[in-house]
C-alpha atoms as a PDB file:
ATOM      1  CA  UNK A   1      30.358   3.484 -58.713  1.00  0.00           C
ATOM      2  CA  UNK A   2      32.145   0.199 -59.211  1.00  0.00           C
ATOM      3  CA  UNK A   3      33.797  -0.628 -62.537  1.00  0.00           C
ATOM      4  CA  UNK A   4      33.391  -3.510 -64.934  1.00  0.00           C
ATOM      5  CA  UNK A   5      35.224  -5.742 -64.366  1.00  0.00           C
ATOM      6  CA  UNK A   6      35.095  -5.566 -60.555  1.00  0.00           C
ATOM      7  CA  UNK A   7      36.141  -7.491 -57.449  1.00  0.00           C
ATOM      8  CA  UNK A   8      33.711  -8.240 -54.614  1.00  0.00           C
ATOM      9  CA  UNK A   9      33.617  -9.402 -51.000  1.00  0.00           C
ATOM     10  CA  UNK A  10      30.494 -10.776 -49.304  1.00  0.00           C
ATOM     11  CA  UNK A  11      30.407 -10.594 -45.502  1.00  0.00           C
ATOM     12  CA  UNK A  12      28.028 -13.159 -44.015  1.00  0.00           C
ATOM     13  CA  UNK A  13      28.288 -15.412 -47.052  1.00  0.00           C
ATOM     14  CA  UNK A  14      26.889 -18.502 -45.293  1.00  0.00           C
ATOM     15  CA  UNK A  15      23.488 -16.900 -44.721  1.00  0.00           C
ATOM     16  CA  UNK A  16      20.545 -17.048 -47.103  1.00  0.00           C
ATOM     17  CA  UNK A  17      21.077 -13.644 -48.703  1.00  0.00           C
ATOM     18  CA  UNK A  18      24.871 -13.742 -48.441  1.00  0.00           C
ATOM     19  CA  UNK A  19      25.120 -17.108 -50.199  1.00  0.00           C
ATOM     20  CA  UNK A  20      22.718 -15.852 -52.885  1.00  0.00           C
ATOM     21  CA  UNK A  21      24.960 -12.844 -53.524  1.00  0.00           C
ATOM     22  CA  UNK A  22      27.961 -15.158 -53.697  1.00  0.00           C
ATOM     23  CA  UNK A  23      26.275 -17.439 -56.243  1.00  0.00           C
ATOM     24  CA  UNK A  24      25.035 -14.494 -58.275  1.00  0.00           C
ATOM     25  CA  UNK A  25      28.454 -12.859 -58.499  1.00  0.00           C
ATOM     26  CA  UNK A  26      30.253 -16.130 -59.214  1.00  0.00           C
ATOM     27  CA  UNK A  27      28.130 -16.305 -62.360  1.00  0.00           C
ATOM     28  CA  UNK A  28      28.507 -12.636 -63.259  1.00  0.00           C
ATOM     29  CA  UNK A  29      31.002 -12.240 -66.135  1.00  0.00           C
ATOM     30  CA  UNK A  30      31.863  -8.707 -64.983  1.00  0.00           C
ATOM     31  CA  UNK A  31      32.952  -9.971 -61.551  1.00  0.00           C
ATOM     32  CA  UNK A  32      36.510 -11.247 -61.894  1.00  0.00           C
ATOM     33  CA  UNK A  33      36.780 -12.289 -58.255  1.00  0.00           C
ATOM     34  CA  UNK A  34      34.293 -12.749 -55.418  1.00  0.00           C
ATOM     35  CA  UNK A  35      35.048 -14.175 -52.022  1.00  0.00           C
ATOM     36  CA  UNK A  36      33.021 -14.621 -48.870  1.00  0.00           C
ATOM     37  CA  UNK A  37      33.512 -14.647 -45.130  1.00  0.00           C
ATOM     38  CA  UNK A  38      31.309 -15.865 -42.258  1.00  0.00           C
ATOM     39  CA  UNK A  39      31.458 -17.265 -38.733  1.00  0.00           C
ATOM     40  CA  UNK A  40      32.932 -20.602 -39.790  1.00  0.00           C
ATOM     41  CA  UNK A  41      35.186 -19.489 -42.631  1.00  0.00           C
ATOM     42  CA  UNK A  42      38.958 -19.141 -42.452  1.00  0.00           C
ATOM     43  CA  UNK A  43      39.407 -16.473 -41.255  1.00  0.00           C
ATOM     44  CA  UNK A  44      36.095 -16.230 -39.391  1.00  0.00           C
ATOM     45  CA  UNK A  45      34.072 -13.115 -38.627  1.00  0.00           C
ATOM     46  CA  UNK A  46      31.905 -13.439 -35.532  1.00  0.00           C
ATOM     47  CA  UNK A  47      30.049 -10.487 -34.054  1.00  0.00           C
ATOM     48  CA  UNK A  48      29.979 -12.271 -30.698  1.00  0.00           C
ATOM     49  CA  UNK A  49      33.766 -11.839 -30.790  1.00  0.00           C
ATOM     50  CA  UNK A  50      34.425  -8.248 -31.936  1.00  0.00           C
ATOM     51  CA  UNK A  51      38.198  -8.772 -32.146  1.00  0.00           C
ATOM     52  CA  UNK A  52      37.578 -11.198 -35.029  1.00  0.00           C
ATOM     53  CA  UNK A  53      36.405  -8.290 -37.199  1.00  0.00           C
ATOM     54  CA  UNK A  54      39.758  -6.523 -37.324  1.00  0.00           C
ATOM     55  CA  UNK A  55      41.637  -9.805 -37.714  1.00  0.00           C
ATOM     56  CA  UNK A  56      39.398 -10.833 -40.603  1.00  0.00           C
ATOM     57  CA  UNK A  57      39.906  -7.521 -42.383  1.00  0.00           C
ATOM     58  CA  UNK A  58      43.675  -7.792 -42.036  1.00  0.00           C
ATOM     59  CA  UNK A  59      43.565 -11.308 -43.503  1.00  0.00           C
ATOM     60  CA  UNK A  60      42.068  -9.918 -46.722  1.00  0.00           C
ATOM     61  CA  UNK A  61      44.693  -7.217 -47.199  1.00  0.00           C
ATOM     62  CA  UNK A  62      46.553  -9.162 -49.885  1.00  0.00           C
ATOM     63  CA  UNK A  63      43.336  -9.700 -51.860  1.00  0.00           C
ATOM     64  CA  UNK A  64      42.396  -6.027 -51.768  1.00  0.00           C
ATOM     65  CA  UNK A  65      41.353  -3.704 -53.225  1.00  0.00           C
ATOM     66  CA  UNK A  66      37.674  -4.564 -53.606  1.00  0.00           C
ATOM     67  CA  UNK A  67      35.239  -2.507 -55.651  1.00  0.00           C
ATOM     68  CA  UNK A  68      32.157  -3.905 -53.924  1.00  0.00           C
ATOM     69  CA  UNK A  69      31.709  -5.024 -50.313  1.00  0.00           C
ATOM     70  CA  UNK A  70      28.288  -6.200 -49.123  1.00  0.00           C
ATOM     71  CA  UNK A  71      27.603  -6.951 -45.458  1.00  0.00           C
ATOM     72  CA  UNK A  72      24.578  -9.229 -45.024  1.00  0.00           C
ATOM     73  CA  UNK A  73      24.990 -10.137 -41.338  1.00  0.00           C
ATOM     74  CA  UNK A  74      22.002  -9.494 -39.095  1.00  0.00           C
ATOM     75  CA  UNK A  75      19.598 -11.170 -36.696  1.00  0.00           C
ATOM     76  CA  UNK A  76      15.869 -10.740 -36.057  1.00  0.00           C
ATOM     77  CA  UNK A  77      15.155 -13.577 -33.648  1.00  0.00           C
ATOM     78  CA  UNK A  78      16.967 -16.317 -31.760  1.00  0.00           C
ATOM     79  CA  UNK A  79      15.857 -19.638 -30.318  1.00  0.00           C
ATOM     80  CA  UNK A  80      15.172 -18.085 -26.930  1.00  0.00           C
ATOM     81  CA  UNK A  81      13.688 -14.799 -28.204  1.00  0.00           C
ATOM     82  CA  UNK A  82      11.173 -13.607 -30.728  1.00  0.00           C
ATOM     83  CA  UNK A  83      10.547  -9.945 -31.614  1.00  0.00           C
ATOM     84  CA  UNK A  84       8.666  -8.149 -28.840  1.00  0.00           C
ATOM     85  CA  UNK A  85       4.964  -7.536 -29.384  1.00  0.00           C
ATOM     86  CA  UNK A  86       4.602  -5.113 -26.454  1.00  0.00           C
ATOM     87  CA  UNK A  87       6.681  -3.056 -24.034  1.00  0.00           C
ATOM     88  CA  UNK A  88       6.262  -5.660 -21.276  1.00  0.00           C
ATOM     89  CA  UNK A  89       8.200  -8.118 -23.469  1.00  0.00           C
ATOM     90  CA  UNK A  90      11.320  -5.920 -23.461  1.00  0.00           C
ATOM     91  CA  UNK A  91      14.363  -7.804 -22.149  1.00  0.00           C
ATOM     92  CA  UNK A  92      17.740  -6.219 -21.437  1.00  0.00           C
ATOM     93  CA  UNK A  93      19.749  -9.224 -22.621  1.00  0.00           C
ATOM     94  CA  UNK A  94      17.793  -9.487 -25.876  1.00  0.00           C
ATOM     95  CA  UNK A  95      18.174  -5.757 -26.537  1.00  0.00           C
ATOM     96  CA  UNK A  96      21.931  -5.884 -25.879  1.00  0.00           C
ATOM     97  CA  UNK A  97      22.340  -8.973 -28.081  1.00  0.00           C
ATOM     98  CA  UNK A  98      20.610  -7.429 -31.080  1.00  0.00           C
ATOM     99  CA  UNK A  99      22.503  -4.171 -30.653  1.00  0.00           C
ATOM    100  CA  UNK A 100      25.762  -6.127 -30.652  1.00  0.00           C
ATOM    101  CA  UNK A 101      24.962  -8.086 -33.817  1.00  0.00           C
ATOM    102  CA  UNK A 102      22.918  -5.565 -35.804  1.00  0.00           C
ATOM    103  CA  UNK A 103      24.676  -2.297 -34.936  1.00  0.00           C
ATOM    104  CA  UNK A 104      28.017  -2.666 -33.166  1.00  0.00           C
ATOM    105  CA  UNK A 105      29.338  -5.495 -35.340  1.00  0.00           C
ATOM    106  CA  UNK A 106      28.449  -3.820 -38.644  1.00  0.00           C
ATOM    107  CA  UNK A 107      29.846  -0.473 -37.445  1.00  0.00           C
ATOM    108  CA  UNK A 108      33.193  -2.073 -36.638  1.00  0.00           C
ATOM    109  CA  UNK A 109      33.043  -3.867 -39.983  1.00  0.00           C
ATOM    110  CA  UNK A 110      32.750  -0.523 -41.749  1.00  0.00           C
ATOM    111  CA  UNK A 111      35.704   0.747 -39.702  1.00  0.00           C
ATOM    112  CA  UNK A 112      38.056  -2.076 -40.628  1.00  0.00           C
ATOM    113  CA  UNK A 113      36.829  -3.306 -44.014  1.00  0.00           C
ATOM    114  CA  UNK A 114      36.578   0.174 -45.535  1.00  0.00           C
ATOM    115  CA  UNK A 115      40.379   0.073 -45.680  1.00  0.00           C
ATOM    116  CA  UNK A 116      40.061  -2.707 -48.274  1.00  0.00           C
ATOM    117  CA  UNK A 117      37.978  -0.644 -50.727  1.00  0.00           C
ATOM    118  CA  UNK A 118      39.450   0.653 -53.957  1.00  0.00           C
ATOM    119  CA  UNK A 119      39.983   4.389 -53.345  1.00  0.00           C
ATOM    120  CA  UNK A 120      39.414   5.230 -57.007  1.00  0.00           C
ATOM    121  CA  UNK A 121      35.822   3.934 -57.107  1.00  0.00           C
ATOM    122  CA  UNK A 122      33.919   1.533 -54.845  1.00  0.00           C
ATOM    123  CA  UNK A 123      30.680   0.721 -53.055  1.00  0.00           C
ATOM    124  CA  UNK A 124      30.035  -0.600 -49.559  1.00  0.00           C
ATOM    125  CA  UNK A 125      26.483  -1.746 -48.811  1.00  0.00           C
ATOM    126  CA  UNK A 126      25.165  -2.826 -45.417  1.00  0.00           C
ATOM    127  CA  UNK A 127      21.861  -4.663 -45.165  1.00  0.00           C
ATOM    128  CA  UNK A 128      19.496  -2.763 -42.912  1.00  0.00           C
ATOM    129  CA  UNK A 129      15.692  -2.957 -42.676  1.00  0.00           C
ATOM    130  CA  UNK A 130      12.754  -0.672 -43.375  1.00  0.00           C
ATOM    131  CA  UNK A 131      11.459  -1.297 -39.854  1.00  0.00           C
ATOM    132  CA  UNK A 132      14.557   0.555 -38.636  1.00  0.00           C
ATOM    133  CA  UNK A 133      13.073   3.763 -40.055  1.00  0.00           C
ATOM    134  CA  UNK A 134      11.831   5.985 -37.218  1.00  0.00           C
ATOM    135  CA  UNK A 135       9.606   8.029 -39.512  1.00  0.00           C
ATOM    136  CA  UNK A 136       8.083   4.932 -41.118  1.00  0.00           C
ATOM    137  CA  UNK A 137       7.262   3.224 -37.795  1.00  0.00           C
ATOM    138  CA  UNK A 138       3.472   2.921 -37.804  1.00  0.00           C
ATOM    139  CA  UNK A 139       2.862  -0.445 -36.165  1.00  0.00           C
ATOM    140  CA  UNK A 140       5.166  -0.396 -33.130  1.00  0.00           C
ATOM    141  CA  UNK A 141       6.507  -3.579 -31.568  1.00  0.00           C
ATOM    142  CA  UNK A 142       9.776  -5.307 -32.438  1.00  0.00           C
ATOM    143  CA  UNK A 143      11.583  -2.973 -30.054  1.00  0.00           C
ATOM    144  CA  UNK A 144      15.048  -4.539 -30.101  1.00  0.00           C
ATOM    145  CA  UNK A 145      15.161  -5.133 -33.844  1.00  0.00           C
ATOM    146  CA  UNK A 146      13.831  -1.685 -34.723  1.00  0.00           C
ATOM    147  CA  UNK A 147      16.205   0.039 -32.297  1.00  0.00           C
ATOM    148  CA  UNK A 148      19.256  -1.938 -33.451  1.00  0.00           C
ATOM    149  CA  UNK A 149      18.567  -1.199 -37.121  1.00  0.00           C
ATOM    150  CA  UNK A 150      17.938   2.479 -36.349  1.00  0.00           C
ATOM    151  CA  UNK A 151      21.302   2.553 -34.571  1.00  0.00           C
ATOM    152  CA  UNK A 152      22.901   0.859 -37.567  1.00  0.00           C
ATOM    153  CA  UNK A 153      21.385   3.455 -39.885  1.00  0.00           C
ATOM    154  CA  UNK A 154      22.890   6.259 -37.816  1.00  0.00           C
ATOM    155  CA  UNK A 155      26.303   4.570 -37.949  1.00  0.00           C
ATOM    156  CA  UNK A 156      26.058   4.275 -41.738  1.00  0.00           C
ATOM    157  CA  UNK A 157      24.883   7.856 -42.225  1.00  0.00           C
ATOM    158  CA  UNK A 158      27.627   9.230 -39.975  1.00  0.00           C
ATOM    159  CA  UNK A 159      30.358   7.137 -41.613  1.00  0.00           C
ATOM    160  CA  UNK A 160      29.122   8.216 -45.052  1.00  0.00           C
ATOM    161  CA  UNK A 161      29.611  11.864 -44.086  1.00  0.00           C
ATOM    162  CA  UNK A 162      33.207  11.068 -43.154  1.00  0.00           C
ATOM    163  CA  UNK A 163      33.615   9.095 -46.395  1.00  0.00           C
ATOM    164  CA  UNK A 164      32.561  12.161 -48.395  1.00  0.00           C
ATOM    165  CA  UNK A 165      35.698  13.868 -47.073  1.00  0.00           C
ATOM    166  CA  UNK A 166      38.156  11.002 -46.647  1.00  0.00           C
ATOM    167  CA  UNK A 167      36.909   8.579 -49.348  1.00  0.00           C
ATOM    168  CA  UNK A 168      35.148  10.794 -51.907  1.00  0.00           C
ATOM    169  CA  UNK A 169      35.051   8.023 -54.525  1.00  0.00           C
ATOM    170  CA  UNK A 170      33.320   5.529 -52.213  1.00  0.00           C
ATOM    171  CA  UNK A 171      29.561   5.258 -51.772  1.00  0.00           C
ATOM    172  CA  UNK A 172      28.271   3.805 -48.488  1.00  0.00           C
ATOM    173  CA  UNK A 173      24.579   2.893 -48.278  1.00  0.00           C
ATOM    174  CA  UNK A 174      22.051   1.157 -46.041  1.00  0.00           C
ATOM    175  CA  UNK A 175      20.157  -1.385 -48.152  1.00  0.00           C
ATOM    176  CA  UNK A 176      16.699  -2.785 -47.379  1.00  0.00           C
ATOM    177  CA  UNK A 177      16.324  -6.274 -48.926  1.00  0.00           C
ATOM    178  CA  UNK A 178      12.558  -6.566 -48.528  1.00  0.00           C
ATOM    179  CA  UNK A 179      10.977  -9.834 -47.441  1.00  0.00           C
ATOM    180  CA  UNK A 180      13.091 -12.782 -48.535  1.00  0.00           C
ATOM    181  CA  UNK A 181      12.335 -16.470 -48.115  1.00  0.00           C
ATOM    182  CA  UNK A 182      14.924 -17.181 -45.416  1.00  0.00           C
ATOM    183  CA  UNK A 183      15.398 -18.515 -41.888  1.00  0.00           C
ATOM    184  CA  UNK A 184      15.021 -14.961 -40.611  1.00  0.00           C
ATOM    185  CA  UNK A 185      11.597 -14.468 -42.190  1.00  0.00           C
ATOM    186  CA  UNK A 186      10.274 -18.036 -41.845  1.00  0.00           C
ATOM    187  CA  UNK A 187       8.317 -17.438 -38.605  1.00  0.00           C
ATOM    188  CA  UNK A 188       6.629 -14.454 -40.283  1.00  0.00           C
ATOM    189  CA  UNK A 189       5.215 -16.192 -43.384  1.00  0.00           C
ATOM    190  CA  UNK A 190       8.435 -15.606 -45.296  1.00  0.00           C
ATOM    191  CA  UNK A 191       7.877 -18.763 -47.354  1.00  0.00           C
ATOM    192  CA  UNK A 192       4.524 -17.412 -48.540  1.00  0.00           C
ATOM    193  CA  UNK A 193       5.251 -13.701 -49.019  1.00  0.00           C
ATOM    194  CA  UNK A 194       9.038 -13.633 -49.437  1.00  0.00           C
ATOM    195  CA  UNK A 195      10.972 -13.505 -52.688  1.00  0.00           C
ATOM    196  CA  UNK A 196      13.485 -16.227 -53.618  1.00  0.00           C
ATOM    197  CA  UNK A 197      16.970 -15.281 -52.343  1.00  0.00           C
ATOM    198  CA  UNK A 198      18.523 -15.119 -55.828  1.00  0.00           C
ATOM    199  CA  UNK A 199      15.772 -12.782 -57.007  1.00  0.00           C
ATOM    200  CA  UNK A 200      16.304 -10.566 -53.974  1.00  0.00           C
ATOM    201  CA  UNK A 201      20.071 -10.517 -54.491  1.00  0.00           C
ATOM    202  CA  UNK A 202      19.627  -9.587 -58.159  1.00  0.00           C
ATOM    203  CA  UNK A 203      17.228  -6.780 -57.230  1.00  0.00           C
ATOM    204  CA  UNK A 204      19.757  -5.362 -54.778  1.00  0.00           C
ATOM    205  CA  UNK A 205      22.674  -5.780 -57.182  1.00  0.00           C
ATOM    206  CA  UNK A 206      20.726  -3.810 -59.786  1.00  0.00           C
ATOM    207  CA  UNK A 207      20.355  -0.984 -57.269  1.00  0.00           C
ATOM    208  CA  UNK A 208      24.045  -1.087 -56.337  1.00  0.00           C
ATOM    209  CA  UNK A 209      25.096  -0.978 -59.983  1.00  0.00           C
ATOM    210  CA  UNK A 210      23.050   2.187 -60.488  1.00  0.00           C
ATOM    211  CA  UNK A 211      24.535   4.163 -57.573  1.00  0.00           C
ATOM    212  CA  UNK A 212      26.193   7.520 -58.102  1.00  0.00           C
ATOM    213  CA  UNK A 213      28.329   9.656 -55.797  1.00  0.00           C
ATOM    214  CA  UNK A 214      25.281  11.646 -54.718  1.00  0.00           C
ATOM    215  CA  UNK A 215      23.782   8.453 -53.287  1.00  0.00           C
ATOM    216  CA  UNK A 216      26.446   8.224 -50.579  1.00  0.00           C
ATOM    217  CA  UNK A 217      24.761   8.016 -47.184  1.00  0.00           C
ATOM    218  CA  UNK A 218      21.384   6.909 -48.563  1.00  0.00           C
ATOM    219  CA  UNK A 219      18.871   4.430 -47.163  1.00  0.00           C
ATOM    220  CA  UNK A 220      17.650   2.522 -50.215  1.00  0.00           C
ATOM    221  CA  UNK A 221      15.140  -0.251 -50.842  1.00  0.00           C
ATOM    222  CA  UNK A 222      15.767  -3.219 -53.149  1.00  0.00           C
ATOM    223  CA  UNK A 223      13.410  -1.487 -55.601  1.00  0.00           C
ATOM    224  CA  UNK A 224      15.532   1.679 -55.668  1.00  0.00           C
ATOM    225  CA  UNK A 225      13.123   3.650 -53.473  1.00  0.00           C
ATOM    226  CA  UNK A 226      14.767   6.128 -51.083  1.00  0.00           C
ATOM    227  CA  UNK A 227      13.541   5.363 -47.581  1.00  0.00           C
ATOM    228  CA  UNK A 228      13.085   7.864 -44.718  1.00  0.00           C
ATOM    229  CA  UNK A 229      15.502   7.567 -41.837  1.00  0.00           C
END
């Protein structure tokens, strides 16, 4: 769904997975241009400041259109909070914070950055997580993270339905990266069980390169497996 050669934009390019995508595409001969944006770039994108999302998108207007946009921004834990193990751990501020970063920010990013996609053929991928699947939830816990990713998945699915009418040549997907050796996964044995970031980025790029129009609105694993919502 994106041509060769193609132009790409990585949102959250200072993070572990985002920087891996940036490095991978910089060395991809089919990618003629890749650029990244993050909280400290110029312009910045900061989900704590929602107005920055629209301003950042407008700043990239002259570089558009892009054939591939990947949003890697997300948070599992913060210094003051870890994922909840039980209902008694639920905290309103933590829940609101994760909703803001994992669902509201990415939804607004789809709204504004979709305008930068090539209308003739393009892909927008948003990193989600398998634990956001309601049907697949067998262990419980991690209330805020699960709920925020489930909300994100609904935003993606709903936007994809609109894309099928308004942007029929664009595929929008939720992408599960699996366990990656990163700051996010470090407290959960990520160094032992996670894949190297470049390997994970290559796995996901392989999936994105194989997408077809019928995949619009899908929830897909890095292995190509279709996940239940």
